[in-house]
Amino acid sequence: MFNRLSTILLTYVIPAISIVVISFLSALAAAYNSPIYNYIIIGYIAALFIAFMAQAGLTFRRKMKEVREYVKNVKHGAVERLASQDLMKLIEKDSEYISEITKIQKKQFKNILIVFGILMILVLLYMTVLGRFISMILATVSSKFWRAFLETFIYFSILIVIYIAMMRVLKLTPSSPGQMMLDIPYAPMRSLVVYKDAIILDDIYLLKAPIKAKKVIINEKRRFIEIELDEEYAKKVGVRRVRLYVKAPKELWNECLSKIVQVTGETQHISAPTAQSREEGKEDKTEESSKNR
């Protein structure tokens, strides 16, 4: 509930309040022909930026404190513990990792270009057709103050609507001020510790049972367990998809993770190729090459 309210606050309430404040100050500047209000606007925006960054730092410290408190009070040992070297070796052995991440990044970059193109078209429309139409309507307002207020309010409202639309298209969700959840799976690279009732990623993110997930992929071939978290749980933690590179994914899932992860959707299991299937694959390739000759 708190995370949902936090998202609404960050996405809608704070931008709406900011638009009203900036519009009010702009109207004062136009009504009294005083540049001081423009400096106040710049100061207000700077204060908002500093407040968001400070809140992001506090959120980061709170998460680390939560991890330390859990480790301090835990009464049982870890089921799995992997350091940076172990994780990097497992990731390096995944031949598809780089191409997969590159594909996701290209998709997100394509979406950014599309949104940017739409933004440019809307800006041009505003400067040519829409802006003139709004100015014609506002010209009927006799008060200089309210005319300037409405003009600024409409302009920034359009920008905020475009911003929210961009967030939707790019599938970005604010989990906390200054932090966005990307669609790229988060794979811990510094440390991974799995307990009977929790998972700790890089000493920052603590996933406590019950871990609510939409989907789970157990890939023995590439040696990872990927957990797509439930929307509410993802906002609470700060990541959307978690990928755990481990030495024995199937065994770890059966032994521990299946008991603490609640999957509402499907659990996909990709088995590693057996020695027999690898030999059959080699024979098929040999036969195919001999036919080509």
Protein backbone atom coordinates (compact mmCIF):
# COMPACT_ATOMS: atom_id res chain seq x y z
CA MET A 1 0.00 0.00 0.00
CA PHE A 2 2.80 2.40 0.96
CA ASN A 3 4.72 1.67 -2.27
CA ARG A 4 1.61 2.29 -4.37
CA LEU A 5 1.02 5.64 -2.65
CA SER A 6 4.71 6.49 -3.10
CA THR A 7 4.48 5.80 -6.85
CA ILE A 8 1.33 7.93 -7.17
CA LEU A 9 3.04 10.71 -5.21
CA LEU A 10 6.17 10.65 -7.39
CA THR A 11 4.39 10.24 -10.72
CA TYR A 12 1.36 12.49 -10.34
CA VAL A 13 1.08 14.54 -7.12
CA ILE A 14 4.54 16.18 -6.97
CA PRO A 15 4.57 17.08 -10.72
CA ALA A 16 1.04 18.56 -10.39
CA ILE A 17 2.02 20.67 -7.38
CA SER A 18 5.20 21.78 -9.16
CA ILE A 19 3.21 22.91 -12.21
CA VAL A 20 0.90 25.03 -10.05
CA VAL A 21 3.82 26.61 -8.15
CA ILE A 22 5.84 27.38 -11.30
CA SER A 23 2.75 28.76 -13.08
CA PHE A 24 1.96 30.99 -10.09
CA LEU A 25 5.51 32.37 -9.96
CA SER A 26 5.57 32.91 -13.74
CA ALA A 27 2.28 34.80 -13.50
CA LEU A 28 3.71 37.05 -10.77
CA ALA A 29 6.78 37.74 -12.93
CA ALA A 30 4.56 38.70 -15.89
CA ALA A 31 2.12 40.77 -13.81
CA TYR A 32 4.75 42.82 -11.99
CA ASN A 33 7.46 42.76 -14.72
CA SER A 34 9.94 41.54 -12.12
CA PRO A 35 12.67 39.00 -13.01
CA ILE A 36 13.01 37.98 -9.35
CA TYR A 37 10.21 35.44 -9.73
CA ASN A 38 12.09 33.74 -12.57
CA TYR A 39 15.05 33.28 -10.22
CA ILE A 40 12.66 31.87 -7.64
CA ILE A 41 11.46 29.33 -10.24
CA ILE A 42 15.05 28.25 -10.92
CA GLY A 43 15.65 27.98 -7.17
CA TYR A 44 12.47 25.96 -6.72
CA ILE A 45 13.44 23.48 -9.45
CA ALA A 46 16.97 23.20 -7.99
CA ALA A 47 15.49 22.58 -4.52
CA LEU A 48 13.27 19.81 -5.93
CA PHE A 49 16.27 18.19 -7.62
CA ILE A 50 18.34 18.34 -4.42
CA ALA A 51 15.42 16.94 -2.40
CA PHE A 52 15.03 13.99 -4.80
CA MET A 53 18.74 13.22 -4.72
CA ALA A 54 18.81 13.43 -0.91
CA GLN A 55 15.81 11.11 -0.70
CA ALA A 56 17.52 8.68 -3.08
CA GLY A 57 20.58 8.64 -0.80
CA LEU A 58 18.40 8.04 2.27
CA THR A 59 16.58 5.21 0.46
CA PHE A 60 19.93 3.60 -0.43
CA ARG A 61 21.13 3.86 3.19
CA ARG A 62 17.83 2.44 4.46
CA LYS A 63 18.16 -0.60 2.19
CA MET A 64 21.72 -1.26 3.33
CA LYS A 65 20.65 -0.89 6.98
CA GLU A 66 17.81 -3.36 6.37
CA VAL A 67 20.33 -5.88 5.00
CA ARG A 68 22.69 -5.40 7.96
CA GLU A 69 19.85 -5.82 10.46
CA TYR A 70 18.72 -9.03 8.79
CA VAL A 71 22.24 -10.53 8.72
CA LYS A 72 22.76 -9.52 12.36
CA ASN A 73 19.55 -11.22 13.55
CA VAL A 74 19.45 -14.28 11.28
CA LYS A 75 19.59 -17.51 13.29
CA HIS A 76 20.60 -19.94 10.54
CA GLY A 77 23.40 -20.24 8.00
CA ALA A 78 23.28 -19.48 4.29
CA VAL A 79 22.09 -22.12 1.84
CA GLU A 80 24.18 -20.59 -0.98
CA ARG A 81 26.91 -17.96 -0.85
CA LEU A 82 28.72 -16.69 -3.94
CA ALA A 83 31.39 -13.99 -4.04
CA SER A 84 32.25 -11.67 -6.92
CA GLN A 85 34.74 -14.05 -8.58
CA ASP A 86 32.26 -16.96 -8.55
CA LEU A 87 29.47 -14.83 -10.01
CA MET A 88 31.65 -13.36 -12.75
CA LYS A 89 32.84 -16.83 -13.79
CA LEU A 90 29.25 -18.06 -14.07
CA ILE A 91 28.20 -14.99 -16.08
CA GLU A 92 31.22 -15.33 -18.39
CA LYS A 93 30.23 -18.94 -19.11
CA ASP A 94 26.80 -17.74 -20.27
CA SER A 95 27.54 -17.23 -23.97
CA GLU A 96 24.09 -15.70 -24.59
CA TYR A 97 24.26 -13.08 -21.81
CA ILE A 98 25.86 -10.22 -23.77
CA SER A 99 23.69 -10.69 -26.88
CA GLU A 100 20.54 -10.89 -24.73
CA ILE A 101 21.30 -7.71 -22.76
CA THR A 102 22.30 -5.92 -26.00
CA LYS A 103 18.97 -6.91 -27.56
CA ILE A 104 17.02 -5.52 -24.57
CA GLN A 105 19.06 -2.29 -24.62
CA LYS A 106 18.45 -1.86 -28.37
CA LYS A 107 14.71 -2.32 -27.80
CA GLN A 108 14.71 0.32 -25.07
CA PHE A 109 16.79 2.68 -27.22
CA LYS A 110 14.31 2.20 -30.08
CA ASN A 111 11.46 3.08 -27.73
CA ILE A 112 13.37 6.19 -26.60
CA LEU A 113 13.81 7.29 -30.23
CA ILE A 114 10.10 6.76 -30.90
CA VAL A 115 9.10 8.77 -27.82
CA PHE A 116 11.65 11.48 -28.68
CA GLY A 117 10.25 11.68 -32.23
CA ILE A 118 6.70 12.02 -30.92
CA LEU A 119 7.91 14.66 -28.46
CA MET A 120 9.50 16.69 -31.28
CA ILE A 121 6.29 16.49 -33.35
CA LEU A 122 4.21 17.66 -30.38
CA VAL A 123 6.63 20.52 -29.69
CA LEU A 124 6.40 21.63 -33.33
CA LEU A 125 2.61 21.41 -33.21
CA TYR A 126 2.59 23.47 -30.03
CA MET A 127 4.90 26.12 -31.52
CA THR A 128 2.88 26.40 -34.74
CA VAL A 129 -0.76 25.37 -34.46
CA LEU A 130 -1.60 24.50 -30.85
CA GLY A 131 0.42 27.32 -29.27
CA ARG A 132 -1.21 29.98 -31.45
CA PHE A 133 -4.66 28.51 -30.81
CA ILE A 134 -4.08 28.58 -27.03
CA SER A 135 -2.72 32.14 -27.24
CA MET A 136 -5.85 33.22 -29.16
CA ILE A 137 -8.08 31.77 -26.46
CA LEU A 138 -6.03 33.24 -23.61
CA ALA A 139 -6.05 36.66 -25.29
CA THR A 140 -9.66 36.95 -24.18
CA VAL A 141 -8.53 36.80 -20.53
CA SER A 142 -8.28 40.40 -19.33
CA SER A 143 -6.09 39.73 -16.30
CA LYS A 144 -2.39 39.66 -17.17
CA PHE A 145 -1.74 37.50 -14.12
CA TRP A 146 -4.24 34.77 -15.01
CA ARG A 147 -3.27 34.87 -18.68
CA ALA A 148 0.37 34.17 -17.79
CA PHE A 149 -0.69 31.56 -15.20
CA LEU A 150 -2.84 29.59 -17.65
CA GLU A 151 -0.27 29.79 -20.44
CA THR A 152 2.50 28.36 -18.22
CA PHE A 153 0.15 25.82 -16.66
CA ILE A 154 -0.98 24.45 -20.05
CA TYR A 155 2.59 24.32 -21.38
CA PHE A 156 3.99 22.37 -18.41
CA SER A 157 0.89 20.14 -18.25
CA ILE A 158 1.59 19.01 -21.81
CA LEU A 159 5.21 18.25 -20.86
CA ILE A 160 4.09 16.22 -17.82
CA VAL A 161 1.60 14.22 -19.90
CA ILE A 162 4.39 13.42 -22.39
CA TYR A 163 6.67 12.45 -19.47
CA ILE A 164 4.08 10.02 -18.05
CA ALA A 165 3.46 8.57 -21.53
CA MET A 166 7.21 8.07 -21.97
CA MET A 167 7.38 6.26 -18.61
CA ARG A 168 4.60 3.94 -19.77
CA VAL A 169 6.17 3.18 -23.16
CA LEU A 170 9.63 2.54 -21.70
CA LYS A 171 8.14 0.50 -18.84
CA LEU A 172 9.88 2.66 -16.25
CA THR A 173 8.47 2.76 -12.74
CA PRO A 174 9.77 5.00 -9.97
CA SER A 175 10.59 2.71 -7.05
CA SER A 176 12.04 5.61 -5.08
CA PRO A 177 13.20 9.19 -5.82
CA GLY A 178 16.12 9.14 -8.24
CA GLN A 179 15.74 5.43 -8.95
CA MET A 180 13.96 3.79 -11.86
CA MET A 181 13.26 0.13 -12.37
CA LEU A 182 14.52 -1.01 -15.78
CA ASP A 183 13.34 -4.04 -17.73
CA ILE A 184 16.90 -5.45 -17.80
CA PRO A 185 17.25 -8.38 -15.35
CA TYR A 186 19.29 -7.46 -12.28
CA ALA A 187 22.13 -9.96 -11.92
CA PRO A 188 24.22 -9.49 -8.73
CA MET A 189 27.94 -9.27 -9.51
CA ARG A 190 29.47 -8.45 -6.12
CA SER A 191 27.79 -10.99 -3.87
CA LEU A 192 24.82 -13.33 -3.66
CA VAL A 193 23.62 -14.93 -0.42
CA VAL A 194 20.60 -17.21 -0.25
CA TYR A 195 19.04 -18.02 3.13
CA LYS A 196 16.10 -20.23 3.99
CA ASP A 197 13.81 -17.21 4.11
CA ALA A 198 15.57 -14.46 2.15
CA ILE A 199 17.91 -13.52 -0.71
CA ILE A 200 20.52 -10.75 -0.47
CA LEU A 201 21.83 -9.18 -3.70
CA ASP A 202 25.11 -7.22 -3.65
CA ASP A 203 24.56 -6.37 0.06
CA ILE A 204 21.92 -3.83 -1.09
CA TYR A 205 18.68 -5.57 -2.01
CA LEU A 206 16.92 -7.81 0.51
CA LEU A 207 14.20 -10.12 -0.82
CA LYS A 208 12.37 -11.58 2.17
CA ALA A 209 9.87 -14.45 2.07
CA PRO A 210 7.26 -14.68 0.82
CA ILE A 211 8.81 -13.44 -2.43
CA LYS A 212 5.88 -12.84 -4.79
CA ALA A 213 6.68 -13.53 -8.43
CA LYS A 214 4.83 -13.47 -11.74
CA LYS A 215 7.15 -15.91 -13.46
CA VAL A 216 10.24 -18.02 -12.75
CA ILE A 217 12.73 -19.40 -15.26
CA ILE A 218 15.11 -22.17 -14.16
CA ASN A 219 17.76 -22.41 -16.86
CA GLU A 220 20.20 -25.28 -16.21
CA LYS A 221 21.95 -24.74 -19.53
CA ARG A 222 22.93 -21.14 -18.72
CA ARG A 223 22.98 -21.76 -14.94
CA PHE A 224 20.60 -19.15 -13.64
CA ILE A 225 17.24 -18.73 -11.93
CA GLU A 226 15.35 -15.67 -13.13
CA ILE A 227 12.51 -14.31 -11.00
CA GLU A 228 10.09 -11.77 -12.46
CA LEU A 229 8.71 -10.12 -9.35
CA ASP A 230 5.11 -9.18 -8.72
CA GLU A 231 4.43 -5.48 -9.39
CA GLU A 232 3.84 -4.51 -5.76
CA TYR A 233 6.77 -6.56 -4.48
CA ALA A 234 9.02 -5.12 -7.21
CA LYS A 235 8.22 -1.56 -6.15
CA LYS A 236 8.99 -2.50 -2.55
CA VAL A 237 12.38 -4.00 -3.42
CA GLY A 238 13.41 -1.64 -6.23
CA VAL A 239 14.04 -4.18 -9.04
CA ARG A 240 11.63 -5.81 -11.48
CA ARG A 241 13.52 -8.90 -12.62
CA VAL A 242 16.21 -10.74 -10.65
CA ARG A 243 18.62 -13.19 -12.24
CA LEU A 244 20.59 -15.45 -9.90
CA TYR A 245 23.62 -17.12 -11.47
CA VAL A 246 24.34 -20.22 -9.37
CA LYS A 247 26.27 -23.46 -9.80
CA ALA A 248 23.23 -25.76 -9.58
CA PRO A 249 19.98 -23.89 -10.36
CA LYS A 250 17.65 -26.90 -10.25
CA GLU A 251 19.00 -28.15 -6.92
CA LEU A 252 18.87 -24.69 -5.32
CA TRP A 253 15.29 -24.18 -6.51
CA ASN A 254 14.10 -27.55 -5.21
CA GLU A 255 16.01 -27.28 -1.94
CA CYS A 256 15.18 -23.70 -0.95
CA LEU A 257 13.81 -21.15 -3.38
CA SER A 258 10.62 -23.06 -4.26
CA LYS A 259 9.64 -22.74 -0.59
CA ILE A 260 10.10 -18.96 -0.32
CA VAL A 261 9.04 -17.82 -3.82
CA GLN A 262 5.30 -17.69 -4.47
CA VAL A 263 4.76 -17.95 -8.24
CA THR A 264 1.39 -16.75 -9.53
CA GLY A 265 2.23 -17.48 -13.18
CA GLU A 266 4.30 -20.15 -14.88
CA THR A 267 7.56 -21.81 -13.81
CA GLN A 268 9.64 -22.49 -16.90
CA HIS A 269 12.34 -25.16 -16.67
CA ILE A 270 15.08 -25.30 -19.32
CA SER A 271 17.20 -28.40 -18.88
CA ALA A 272 20.89 -28.64 -19.67
CA PRO A 273 21.80 -30.77 -22.70
CA THR A 274 22.81 -34.30 -21.69
CA ALA A 275 25.97 -36.02 -22.89
CA GLN A 276 23.86 -38.22 -25.18
CA SER A 277 22.07 -35.25 -26.78
CA ARG A 278 25.42 -33.49 -27.30
CA GLU A 279 26.79 -36.57 -29.07
CA GLU A 280 23.65 -36.82 -31.21
CA GLY A 281 24.04 -33.15 -32.10
CA LYS A 282 27.65 -33.74 -33.17
CA GLU A 283 26.60 -36.71 -35.31
CA ASP A 284 23.87 -34.68 -37.00
CA LYS A 285 26.36 -31.91 -37.80
CA THR A 286 28.84 -34.48 -39.19
CA GLU A 287 26.17 -36.05 -41.43
CA GLU A 288 25.05 -32.62 -42.65
CA SER A 289 28.61 -31.58 -43.53
CA SER A 290 29.22 -34.87 -45.39
CA LYS A 291 26.02 -34.37 -47.43
CA ASN A 292 27.11 -30.86 -48.37
CA ARG A 293 30.36 -32.26 -49.68
